[in-house]
All heavy atoms as atom14 arrays in JSON, in Angstrom:
{
  "sequence": "GGGTLFFKSDVTLVNYRDTPQQVVVGFWSQGTTNTLNLASYKSVTLPS",
  "atom14_mask": [
    [1, 1, 1, 1, 0, 0, 0, 0, 0, 0, 0, 0, 0, 0],
    [1, 1, 1, 1, 0, 0, 0, 0, 0, 0, 0, 0, 0, 0],
    [1, 1, 1, 1, 0, 0, 0, 0, 0, 0, 0, 0, 0, 0],
    [1, 1, 1, 1, 1, 1, 1, 0, 0, 0, 0, 0, 0, 0],
    [1, 1, 1, 1, 1, 1, 1, 1, 0, 0, 0, 0, 0, 0],
    [1, 1, 1, 1, 1, 1, 1, 1, 1, 1, 1, 0, 0, 0],
    [1, 1, 1, 1, 1, 1, 1, 1, 1, 1, 1, 0, 0, 0],
    [1, 1, 1, 1, 1, 1, 1, 1, 1, 0, 0, 0, 0, 0],
    [1, 1, 1, 1, 1, 1, 0, 0, 0, 0, 0, 0, 0, 0],
    [1, 1, 1, 1, 1, 1, 1, 1, 0, 0, 0, 0, 0, 0],
    [1, 1, 1, 1, 1, 1, 1, 0, 0, 0, 0, 0, 0, 0],
    [1, 1, 1, 1, 1, 1, 1, 0, 0, 0, 0, 0, 0, 0],
    [1, 1, 1, 1, 1, 1, 1, 1, 0, 0, 0, 0, 0, 0],
    [1, 1, 1, 1, 1, 1, 1, 0, 0, 0, 0, 0, 0, 0],
    [1, 1, 1, 1, 1, 1, 1, 1, 0, 0, 0, 0, 0, 0],
    [1, 1, 1, 1, 1, 1, 1, 1, 1, 1, 1, 1, 0, 0],
    [1, 1, 1, 1, 1, 1, 1, 1, 1, 1, 1, 0, 0, 0],
    [1, 1, 1, 1, 1, 1, 1, 1, 0, 0, 0, 0, 0, 0],
    [1, 1, 1, 1, 1, 1, 1, 0, 0, 0, 0, 0, 0, 0],
    [1, 1, 1, 1, 1, 1, 1, 0, 0, 0, 0, 0, 0, 0],
    [1, 1, 1, 1, 1, 1, 1, 1, 1, 0, 0, 0, 0, 0],
    [1, 1, 1, 1, 1, 1, 1, 1, 1, 0, 0, 0, 0, 0],
    [1, 1, 1, 1, 1, 1, 1, 0, 0, 0, 0, 0, 0, 0],
    [1, 1, 1, 1, 1, 1, 1, 0, 0, 0, 0, 0, 0, 0],
    [1, 1, 1, 1, 1, 1, 1, 0, 0, 0, 0, 0, 0, 0],
    [1, 1, 1, 1, 0, 0, 0, 0, 0, 0, 0, 0, 0, 0],
    [1, 1, 1, 1, 1, 1, 1, 1, 1, 1, 1, 0, 0, 0],
    [1, 1, 1, 1, 1, 1, 1, 1, 1, 1, 1, 1, 1, 1],
    [1, 1, 1, 1, 1, 1, 0, 0, 0, 0, 0, 0, 0, 0],
    [1, 1, 1, 1, 1, 1, 1, 1, 1, 0, 0, 0, 0, 0],
    [1, 1, 1, 1, 0, 0, 0, 0, 0, 0, 0, 0, 0, 0],
    [1, 1, 1, 1, 1, 1, 1, 0, 0, 0, 0, 0, 0, 0],
    [1, 1, 1, 1, 1, 1, 1, 0, 0, 0, 0, 0, 0, 0],
    [1, 1, 1, 1, 1, 1, 1, 1, 0, 0, 0, 0, 0, 0],
    [1, 1, 1, 1, 1, 1, 1, 0, 0, 0, 0, 0, 0, 0],
    [1, 1, 1, 1, 1, 1, 1, 1, 0, 0, 0, 0, 0, 0],
    [1, 1, 1, 1, 1, 1, 1, 1, 0, 0, 0, 0, 0, 0],
    [1, 1, 1, 1, 1, 1, 1, 1, 0, 0, 0, 0, 0, 0],
    [1, 1, 1, 1, 1, 0, 0, 0, 0, 0, 0, 0, 0, 0],
    [1, 1, 1, 1, 1, 1, 0, 0, 0, 0, 0, 0, 0, 0],
    [1, 1, 1, 1, 1, 1, 1, 1, 1, 1, 1, 1, 0, 0],
    [1, 1, 1, 1, 1, 1, 1, 1, 1, 0, 0, 0, 0, 0],
    [1, 1, 1, 1, 1, 1, 0, 0, 0, 0, 0, 0, 0, 0],
    [1, 1, 1, 1, 1, 1, 1, 0, 0, 0, 0, 0, 0, 0],
    [1, 1, 1, 1, 1, 1, 1, 0, 0, 0, 0, 0, 0, 0],
    [1, 1, 1, 1, 1, 1, 1, 1, 0, 0, 0, 0, 0, 0],
    [1, 1, 1, 1, 1, 1, 1, 0, 0, 0, 0, 0, 0, 0],
    [1, 1, 1, 1, 1, 1, 0, 0, 0, 0, 0, 0, 0, 0]
  ],
  "atom14_positions": [
    [[-33.25, -63.94, -16.13], [-32.61, -63.48, -14.83], [-32.63, -64.68, -13.69], [-32.99, -64.52, -12.58], [0.0, 0.0, 0.0], [0.0, 0.0, 0.0], [0.0, 0.0, 0.0], [0.0, 0.0, 0.0], [0.0, 0.0, 0.0], [0.0, 0.0, 0.0], [0.0, 0.0, 0.0], [0.0, 0.0, 0.0], [0.0, 0.0, 0.0], [0.0, 0.0, 0.0]],
    [[-32.12, -65.92, -14.31], [-32.19, -67.09, -13.41], [-33.61, -67.5, -12.99], [-33.71, -68.16, -12.0], [0.0, 0.0, 0.0], [0.0, 0.0, 0.0], [0.0, 0.0, 0.0], [0.0, 0.0, 0.0], [0.0, 0.0, 0.0], [0.0, 0.0, 0.0], [0.0, 0.0, 0.0], [0.0, 0.0, 0.0], [0.0, 0.0, 0.0], [0.0, 0.0, 0.0]],
    [[-34.6, -67.13, -13.7], [-36.03, -67.57, -13.34], [-36.65, -66.68, -12.51], [-37.9, -66.69, -12.22], [0.0, 0.0, 0.0], [0.0, 0.0, 0.0], [0.0, 0.0, 0.0], [0.0, 0.0, 0.0], [0.0, 0.0, 0.0], [0.0, 0.0, 0.0], [0.0, 0.0, 0.0], [0.0, 0.0, 0.0], [0.0, 0.0, 0.0], [0.0, 0.0, 0.0]],
    [[-36.02, -65.5, -12.06], [-36.64, -64.55, -11.11], [-37.32, -63.31, -11.83], [-38.08, -62.72, -11.18], [-35.6, -63.94, -10.1], [-34.54, -63.24, -10.98], [-34.84, -64.94, -9.39], [0.0, 0.0, 0.0], [0.0, 0.0, 0.0], [0.0, 0.0, 0.0], [0.0, 0.0, 0.0], [0.0, 0.0, 0.0], [0.0, 0.0, 0.0], [0.0, 0.0, 0.0]],
    [[-37.22, -63.21, -13.13], [-37.77, -62.2, -13.88], [-38.5, -62.88, -15.1], [-38.22, -63.98, -15.59], [-36.7, -61.35, -14.47], [-35.82, -60.49, -13.49], [-34.75, -59.83, -14.22], [-36.67, -59.74, -12.55], [0.0, 0.0, 0.0], [0.0, 0.0, 0.0], [0.0, 0.0, 0.0], [0.0, 0.0, 0.0], [0.0, 0.0, 0.0], [0.0, 0.0, 0.0]],
    [[-39.53, -62.13, -15.65], [-40.26, -62.7, -16.8], [-40.35, -61.41, -17.78], [-40.75, -60.37, -17.45], [-41.61, -63.12, -16.45], [-42.27, -63.91, -17.47], [-42.09, -65.38, -17.54], [-43.08, -63.32, -18.5], [-42.52, -66.09, -18.58], [-43.56, -64.14, -19.58], [-43.35, -65.53, -19.54], [0.0, 0.0, 0.0], [0.0, 0.0, 0.0], [0.0, 0.0, 0.0]],
    [[-39.96, -61.66, -18.98], [-39.85, -60.67, -20.05], [-41.13, -60.7, -20.98], [-41.42, -61.87, -21.52], [-38.55, -60.75, -20.87], [-37.4, -60.31, -20.09], [-36.78, -61.27, -19.31], [-36.94, -59.03, -20.06], [-35.64, -60.89, -18.52], [-35.74, -58.66, -19.36], [-35.17, -59.69, -18.62], [0.0, 0.0, 0.0], [0.0, 0.0, 0.0], [0.0, 0.0, 0.0]],
    [[-41.68, -59.67, -21.2], [-42.86, -59.57, -22.27], [-42.64, -58.55, -23.2], [-41.94, -57.57, -22.95], [-44.11, -59.3, -21.5], [-44.48, -60.3, -20.44], [-45.78, -59.83, -19.62], [-46.07, -60.8, -18.59], [-47.37, -60.3, -17.83], [0.0, 0.0, 0.0], [0.0, 0.0, 0.0], [0.0, 0.0, 0.0], [0.0, 0.0, 0.0], [0.0, 0.0, 0.0]],
    [[-43.27, -58.7, -24.38], [-43.21, -57.64, -25.43], [-44.53, -57.04, -25.67], [-45.41, -57.91, -26.17], [-42.54, -58.1, -26.73], [-41.31, -58.37, -26.54], [0.0, 0.0, 0.0], [0.0, 0.0, 0.0], [0.0, 0.0, 0.0], [0.0, 0.0, 0.0], [0.0, 0.0, 0.0], [0.0, 0.0, 0.0], [0.0, 0.0, 0.0], [0.0, 0.0, 0.0]],
    [[-44.77, -55.78, -25.54], [-45.99, -55.09, -25.97], [-45.68, -54.54, -27.47], [-44.71, -53.93, -27.7], [-46.35, -53.9, -25.1], [-46.84, -54.37, -23.65], [-47.01, -55.59, -23.59], [-47.0, -53.49, -22.86], [0.0, 0.0, 0.0], [0.0, 0.0, 0.0], [0.0, 0.0, 0.0], [0.0, 0.0, 0.0], [0.0, 0.0, 0.0], [0.0, 0.0, 0.0]],
    [[-46.58, -54.67, -28.27], [-46.38, -54.45, -29.73], [-47.48, -53.48, -30.15], [-48.71, -53.75, -29.94], [-46.35, -55.59, -30.67], [-46.29, -55.38, -32.09], [-45.22, -56.55, -30.27], [0.0, 0.0, 0.0], [0.0, 0.0, 0.0], [0.0, 0.0, 0.0], [0.0, 0.0, 0.0], [0.0, 0.0, 0.0], [0.0, 0.0, 0.0], [0.0, 0.0, 0.0]],
    [[-47.03, -52.34, -30.8], [-47.99, -51.34, -31.43], [-47.88, -51.55, -33.02], [-46.77, -51.48, -33.42], [-47.76, -49.95, -30.95], [-48.0, -49.84, -29.66], [-48.63, -49.0, -31.72], [0.0, 0.0, 0.0], [0.0, 0.0, 0.0], [0.0, 0.0, 0.0], [0.0, 0.0, 0.0], [0.0, 0.0, 0.0], [0.0, 0.0, 0.0], [0.0, 0.0, 0.0]],
    [[-49.02, -51.73, -33.53], [-49.12, -51.81, -35.1], [-50.08, -50.73, -35.67], [-50.96, -50.36, -35.01], [-49.56, -53.03, -35.48], [-48.79, -54.28, -35.08], [-49.55, -55.62, -35.45], [-47.44, -54.29, -35.83], [0.0, 0.0, 0.0], [0.0, 0.0, 0.0], [0.0, 0.0, 0.0], [0.0, 0.0, 0.0], [0.0, 0.0, 0.0], [0.0, 0.0, 0.0]],
    [[-49.79, -50.26, -36.73], [-50.61, -49.16, -37.38], [-50.76, -49.53, -38.77], [-49.83, -49.86, -39.53], [-50.08, -47.73, -37.12], [-48.65, -47.56, -37.62], [-50.89, -46.7, -37.64], [0.0, 0.0, 0.0], [0.0, 0.0, 0.0], [0.0, 0.0, 0.0], [0.0, 0.0, 0.0], [0.0, 0.0, 0.0], [0.0, 0.0, 0.0], [0.0, 0.0, 0.0]],
    [[-51.98, -49.24, -39.39], [-52.25, -49.3, -40.9], [-52.66, -47.94, -41.2], [-53.68, -47.45, -40.94], [-53.33, -50.4, -40.98], [-53.88, -50.4, -42.51], [-53.14, -50.05, -43.41], [-55.02, -50.89, -42.51], [0.0, 0.0, 0.0], [0.0, 0.0, 0.0], [0.0, 0.0, 0.0], [0.0, 0.0, 0.0], [0.0, 0.0, 0.0], [0.0, 0.0, 0.0]],
    [[-51.76, -47.41, -42.12], [-52.08, -46.04, -42.68], [-52.95, -46.08, -43.98], [-53.34, -44.94, -44.43], [-50.65, -45.35, -43.03], [-49.78, -45.0, -41.75], [-48.63, -45.6, -41.54], [-50.43, -44.1, -40.82], [-47.87, -45.26, -40.48], [-49.62, -43.79, -39.72], [-48.3, -44.4, -39.61], [-47.63, -44.09, -38.45], [0.0, 0.0, 0.0], [0.0, 0.0, 0.0]],
    [[-53.27, -47.26, -44.36], [-54.09, -47.31, -45.53], [-55.51, -47.05, -45.2], [-55.98, -47.18, -43.99], [-54.01, -48.76, -46.1], [-54.36, -48.96, -47.58], [-54.03, -50.39, -47.92], [-54.43, -50.63, -49.33], [-54.23, -51.93, -49.88], [-53.64, -52.86, -49.21], [-54.52, -51.95, -51.19], [0.0, 0.0, 0.0], [0.0, 0.0, 0.0], [0.0, 0.0, 0.0]],
    [[-56.35, -46.58, -46.26], [-57.68, -46.26, -45.99], [-58.65, -47.49, -46.14], [-59.76, -47.41, -46.12], [-58.18, -45.16, -46.86], [-58.01, -45.41, -48.34], [-57.59, -46.64, -48.69], [-58.34, -44.54, -49.19], [0.0, 0.0, 0.0], [0.0, 0.0, 0.0], [0.0, 0.0, 0.0], [0.0, 0.0, 0.0], [0.0, 0.0, 0.0], [0.0, 0.0, 0.0]],
    [[-58.05, -48.66, -46.18], [-58.78, -49.92, -46.22], [-58.16, -50.9, -45.2], [-57.02, -50.77, -44.95], [-58.96, -50.5, -47.54], [-57.53, -50.73, -48.1], [-59.6, -49.67, -48.52], [0.0, 0.0, 0.0], [0.0, 0.0, 0.0], [0.0, 0.0, 0.0], [0.0, 0.0, 0.0], [0.0, 0.0, 0.0], [0.0, 0.0, 0.0], [0.0, 0.0, 0.0]],
    [[-58.96, -51.89, -44.75], [-58.34, -52.87, -43.86], [-57.07, -53.6, -44.54], [-57.11, -53.8, -45.71], [-59.44, -53.9, -43.49], [-60.72, -52.97, -43.8], [-60.32, -52.14, -44.85], [0.0, 0.0, 0.0], [0.0, 0.0, 0.0], [0.0, 0.0, 0.0], [0.0, 0.0, 0.0], [0.0, 0.0, 0.0], [0.0, 0.0, 0.0], [0.0, 0.0, 0.0]],
    [[-56.08, -54.07, -43.77], [-54.97, -54.66, -44.34], [-54.68, -56.03, -43.79], [-54.53, -56.23, -42.52], [-53.71, -53.83, -43.98], [-52.4, -54.35, -44.62], [-52.51, -54.43, -46.13], [-52.56, -53.37, -46.73], [-52.38, -55.59, -46.7], [0.0, 0.0, 0.0], [0.0, 0.0, 0.0], [0.0, 0.0, 0.0], [0.0, 0.0, 0.0], [0.0, 0.0, 0.0]],
    [[-54.66, -57.11, -44.53], [-54.33, -58.47, -44.14], [-52.83, -58.53, -44.02], [-52.1, -58.02, -44.85], [-54.78, -59.44, -45.09], [-56.32, -59.74, -45.11], [-56.56, -60.85, -46.02], [-56.51, -60.72, -47.3], [-57.09, -61.95, -45.56], [0.0, 0.0, 0.0], [0.0, 0.0, 0.0], [0.0, 0.0, 0.0], [0.0, 0.0, 0.0], [0.0, 0.0, 0.0]],
    [[-52.43, -59.17, -42.8], [-50.93, -59.22, -42.51], [-50.58, -60.67, -42.02], [-51.36, -61.13, -41.15], [-50.63, -58.18, -41.47], [-49.02, -58.33, -41.17], [-50.84, -56.75, -41.91], [0.0, 0.0, 0.0], [0.0, 0.0, 0.0], [0.0, 0.0, 0.0], [0.0, 0.0, 0.0], [0.0, 0.0, 0.0], [0.0, 0.0, 0.0], [0.0, 0.0, 0.0]],
    [[-49.59, -61.21, -42.59], [-49.15, -62.47, -41.98], [-48.01, -62.04, -40.88], [-47.19, -61.28, -41.27], [-48.61, -63.45, -43.03], [-47.6, -64.45, -42.47], [-49.69, -64.09, -43.76], [0.0, 0.0, 0.0], [0.0, 0.0, 0.0], [0.0, 0.0, 0.0], [0.0, 0.0, 0.0], [0.0, 0.0, 0.0], [0.0, 0.0, 0.0], [0.0, 0.0, 0.0]],
    [[-48.15, -62.69, -39.79], [-47.18, -62.38, -38.82], [-46.53, -63.68, -38.39], [-47.02, -64.71, -38.08], [-47.99, -61.83, -37.37], [-46.96, -61.47, -36.34], [-48.94, -60.84, -37.65], [0.0, 0.0, 0.0], [0.0, 0.0, 0.0], [0.0, 0.0, 0.0], [0.0, 0.0, 0.0], [0.0, 0.0, 0.0], [0.0, 0.0, 0.0], [0.0, 0.0, 0.0]],
    [[-45.15, -63.46, -38.49], [-44.26, -64.8, -38.23], [-43.48, -64.49, -37.07], [-43.07, -63.39, -36.7], [0.0, 0.0, 0.0], [0.0, 0.0, 0.0], [0.0, 0.0, 0.0], [0.0, 0.0, 0.0], [0.0, 0.0, 0.0], [0.0, 0.0, 0.0], [0.0, 0.0, 0.0], [0.0, 0.0, 0.0], [0.0, 0.0, 0.0], [0.0, 0.0, 0.0]],
    [[-43.34, -65.54, -36.19], [-42.36, -65.44, -35.02], [-41.21, -66.46, -35.35], [-41.32, -67.63, -35.31], [-43.12, -65.89, -33.74], [-42.28, -65.92, -32.51], [-41.84, -64.71, -32.04], [-41.98, -67.05, -31.78], [-41.04, -64.65, -30.89], [-41.23, -66.97, -30.58], [-40.74, -65.88, -30.18], [0.0, 0.0, 0.0], [0.0, 0.0, 0.0], [0.0, 0.0, 0.0]],
    [[-40.01, -65.83, -35.55], [-38.83, -66.59, -35.93], [-38.03, -66.94, -34.57], [-37.23, -66.13, -34.12], [-37.95, -65.89, -36.82], [-38.57, -65.83, -38.2], [-39.75, -66.25, -38.61], [-38.17, -64.98, -39.38], [-40.11, -65.97, -39.9], [-39.07, -65.16, -40.31], [-37.02, -64.18, -39.59], [-38.92, -64.47, -41.68], [-36.95, -63.54, -40.68], [-37.75, -63.72, -41.75]],
    [[-38.32, -68.1, -33.97], [-37.6, -68.41, -32.63], [-36.2, -68.4, -32.8], [-35.54, -68.73, -33.79], [-38.15, -69.8, -32.2], [-39.57, -69.82, -31.98], [0.0, 0.0, 0.0], [0.0, 0.0, 0.0], [0.0, 0.0, 0.0], [0.0, 0.0, 0.0], [0.0, 0.0, 0.0], [0.0, 0.0, 0.0], [0.0, 0.0, 0.0], [0.0, 0.0, 0.0]],
    [[-35.48, -67.96, -31.8], [-34.09, -67.94, -31.76], [-33.34, -69.18, -32.01], [-33.7, -70.27, -31.48], [-33.56, -67.43, -30.26], [-32.15, -67.45, -30.15], [-31.66, -66.96, -28.78], [-30.84, -66.16, -28.57], [-32.39, -67.41, -27.68], [0.0, 0.0, 0.0], [0.0, 0.0, 0.0], [0.0, 0.0, 0.0], [0.0, 0.0, 0.0], [0.0, 0.0, 0.0]],
    [[-32.45, -69.11, -33.04], [-31.67, -70.32, -33.37], [-32.28, -71.41, -34.25], [-31.75, -72.33, -34.56], [0.0, 0.0, 0.0], [0.0, 0.0, 0.0], [0.0, 0.0, 0.0], [0.0, 0.0, 0.0], [0.0, 0.0, 0.0], [0.0, 0.0, 0.0], [0.0, 0.0, 0.0], [0.0, 0.0, 0.0], [0.0, 0.0, 0.0], [0.0, 0.0, 0.0]],
    [[-33.46, -71.0, -34.84], [-34.21, -72.02, -35.59], [-34.49, -71.52, -37.13], [-34.41, -70.19, -37.23], [-35.44, -72.53, -34.97], [-36.31, -71.3, -34.99], [-35.36, -72.99, -33.63], [0.0, 0.0, 0.0], [0.0, 0.0, 0.0], [0.0, 0.0, 0.0], [0.0, 0.0, 0.0], [0.0, 0.0, 0.0], [0.0, 0.0, 0.0], [0.0, 0.0, 0.0]],
    [[-34.64, -72.42, -37.94], [-35.01, -71.92, -39.28], [-36.44, -72.07, -39.42], [-37.12, -73.06, -39.16], [-34.43, -72.9, -40.33], [-33.0, -72.85, -40.34], [-34.93, -72.55, -41.78], [0.0, 0.0, 0.0], [0.0, 0.0, 0.0], [0.0, 0.0, 0.0], [0.0, 0.0, 0.0], [0.0, 0.0, 0.0], [0.0, 0.0, 0.0], [0.0, 0.0, 0.0]],
    [[-37.31, -70.99, -39.84], [-38.67, -70.89, -39.64], [-39.35, -70.76, -40.96], [-40.61, -70.31, -40.94], [-38.87, -69.64, -38.73], [-38.32, -69.69, -37.36], [-38.75, -70.45, -36.52], [-37.15, -68.99, -37.18], [0.0, 0.0, 0.0], [0.0, 0.0, 0.0], [0.0, 0.0, 0.0], [0.0, 0.0, 0.0], [0.0, 0.0, 0.0], [0.0, 0.0, 0.0]],
    [[-38.81, -71.13, -41.98], [-39.41, -70.88, -43.21], [-40.79, -71.58, -43.44], [-41.74, -70.83, -43.76], [-38.52, -71.48, -44.48], [-37.19, -71.11, -44.26], [-38.95, -71.08, -45.73], [0.0, 0.0, 0.0], [0.0, 0.0, 0.0], [0.0, 0.0, 0.0], [0.0, 0.0, 0.0], [0.0, 0.0, 0.0], [0.0, 0.0, 0.0], [0.0, 0.0, 0.0]],
    [[-40.98, -72.91, -43.05], [-42.17, -73.65, -43.34], [-42.78, -73.98, -42.06], [-43.72, -74.88, -42.2], [-41.86, -74.74, -44.3], [-41.24, -74.41, -45.59], [-41.0, -75.58, -46.48], [-42.25, -73.61, -46.49], [0.0, 0.0, 0.0], [0.0, 0.0, 0.0], [0.0, 0.0, 0.0], [0.0, 0.0, 0.0], [0.0, 0.0, 0.0], [0.0, 0.0, 0.0]],
    [[-42.41, -73.64, -40.91], [-43.01, -74.04, -39.64], [-44.31, -73.3, -39.59], [-44.46, -72.14, -39.11], [-42.12, -73.77, -38.49], [-42.72, -74.25, -37.18], [-43.75, -74.71, -37.17], [-41.94, -73.9, -36.16], [0.0, 0.0, 0.0], [0.0, 0.0, 0.0], [0.0, 0.0, 0.0], [0.0, 0.0, 0.0], [0.0, 0.0, 0.0], [0.0, 0.0, 0.0]],
    [[-45.41, -73.89, -39.97], [-46.82, -73.11, -39.91], [-47.21, -72.6, -38.53], [-47.9, -71.69, -38.41], [-47.82, -74.13, -40.48], [-47.81, -74.32, -42.04], [-48.99, -75.22, -42.49], [-47.9, -72.93, -42.75], [0.0, 0.0, 0.0], [0.0, 0.0, 0.0], [0.0, 0.0, 0.0], [0.0, 0.0, 0.0], [0.0, 0.0, 0.0], [0.0, 0.0, 0.0]],
    [[-46.7, -73.51, -37.41], [-47.03, -73.01, -36.14], [-46.41, -71.6, -35.71], [-46.82, -71.07, -34.82], [-46.46, -74.02, -35.17], [0.0, 0.0, 0.0], [0.0, 0.0, 0.0], [0.0, 0.0, 0.0], [0.0, 0.0, 0.0], [0.0, 0.0, 0.0], [0.0, 0.0, 0.0], [0.0, 0.0, 0.0], [0.0, 0.0, 0.0], [0.0, 0.0, 0.0]],
    [[-45.47, -71.23, -36.6], [-44.86, -69.81, -36.34], [-45.56, -68.72, -37.03], [-45.06, -67.58, -36.78], [-43.45, -69.95, -36.82], [-42.63, -70.9, -36.15], [0.0, 0.0, 0.0], [0.0, 0.0, 0.0], [0.0, 0.0, 0.0], [0.0, 0.0, 0.0], [0.0, 0.0, 0.0], [0.0, 0.0, 0.0], [0.0, 0.0, 0.0], [0.0, 0.0, 0.0]],
    [[-46.64, -68.95, -37.64], [-47.28, -67.92, -38.39], [-48.76, -67.76, -38.09], [-49.45, -68.78, -37.92], [-47.15, -68.16, -39.94], [-45.7, -68.1, -40.49], [-44.87, -69.26, -40.41], [-45.09, -66.92, -40.86], [-43.6, -69.11, -40.77], [-43.7, -66.82, -41.21], [-42.94, -67.98, -41.26], [-41.73, -67.92, -41.7], [0.0, 0.0, 0.0], [0.0, 0.0, 0.0]],
    [[-49.2, -66.55, -38.13], [-50.64, -66.41, -37.94], [-50.99, -65.24, -38.98], [-50.2, -64.44, -39.53], [-51.01, -65.86, -36.53], [-50.63, -66.67, -35.47], [-51.61, -67.94, -35.44], [-51.45, -68.85, -34.21], [-52.39, -70.01, -34.17], [0.0, 0.0, 0.0], [0.0, 0.0, 0.0], [0.0, 0.0, 0.0], [0.0, 0.0, 0.0], [0.0, 0.0, 0.0]],
    [[-52.4, -65.02, -39.17], [-52.88, -64.01, -40.04], [-53.77, -63.06, -39.13], [-54.56, -63.52, -38.46], [-53.69, -64.52, -41.24], [-54.22, -63.5, -42.03], [0.0, 0.0, 0.0], [0.0, 0.0, 0.0], [0.0, 0.0, 0.0], [0.0, 0.0, 0.0], [0.0, 0.0, 0.0], [0.0, 0.0, 0.0], [0.0, 0.0, 0.0], [0.0, 0.0, 0.0]],
    [[-53.76, -61.74, -39.54], [-54.52, -60.84, -38.78], [-54.94, -59.7, -39.76], [-54.1, -59.44, -40.68], [-53.91, -60.28, -37.58], [-52.7, -59.35, -37.98], [-54.83, -59.51, -36.73], [0.0, 0.0, 0.0], [0.0, 0.0, 0.0], [0.0, 0.0, 0.0], [0.0, 0.0, 0.0], [0.0, 0.0, 0.0], [0.0, 0.0, 0.0], [0.0, 0.0, 0.0]],
    [[-56.14, -59.05, -39.56], [-56.54, -57.98, -40.39], [-56.49, -56.71, -39.5], [-57.08, -56.75, -38.6], [-57.95, -58.14, -40.95], [-57.94, -59.39, -41.82], [-58.28, -56.91, -41.82], [0.0, 0.0, 0.0], [0.0, 0.0, 0.0], [0.0, 0.0, 0.0], [0.0, 0.0, 0.0], [0.0, 0.0, 0.0], [0.0, 0.0, 0.0], [0.0, 0.0, 0.0]],
    [[-55.6, -55.77, -40.0], [-55.5, -54.53, -39.29], [-56.5, -53.52, -39.79], [-56.67, -53.3, -41.01], [-54.05, -53.84, -39.47], [-52.94, -54.68, -38.92], [-51.58, -54.06, -39.24], [-53.03, -55.07, -37.52], [0.0, 0.0, 0.0], [0.0, 0.0, 0.0], [0.0, 0.0, 0.0], [0.0, 0.0, 0.0], [0.0, 0.0, 0.0], [0.0, 0.0, 0.0]],
    [[-57.29, -52.93, -38.87], [-58.28, -51.87, -39.39], [-57.62, -50.68, -40.12], [-56.61, -50.3, -39.73], [-58.91, -51.54, -38.08], [-58.03, -51.8, -37.06], [-57.2, -52.98, -37.48], [0.0, 0.0, 0.0], [0.0, 0.0, 0.0], [0.0, 0.0, 0.0], [0.0, 0.0, 0.0], [0.0, 0.0, 0.0], [0.0, 0.0, 0.0], [0.0, 0.0, 0.0]],
    [[-58.38, -50.13, -40.86], [-57.86, -48.94, -41.69], [-57.6, -47.74, -40.83], [-58.49, -47.44, -40.04], [-58.85, -48.62, -42.88], [-60.12, -48.12, -42.27], [0.0, 0.0, 0.0], [0.0, 0.0, 0.0], [0.0, 0.0, 0.0], [0.0, 0.0, 0.0], [0.0, 0.0, 0.0], [0.0, 0.0, 0.0], [0.0, 0.0, 0.0], [0.0, 0.0, 0.0]]
  ]
}
């Protein structure tokens, strides 16, 4: 909005499994190829 607004994303995740679940999370920035950009990826364990 011309710098007058700031956009954020709240994210809800759920693990339906009865054990914790490891997940790789990738952020594919607009207009780029993100295959091997390690800075674009994190790992997290979702509780069961």
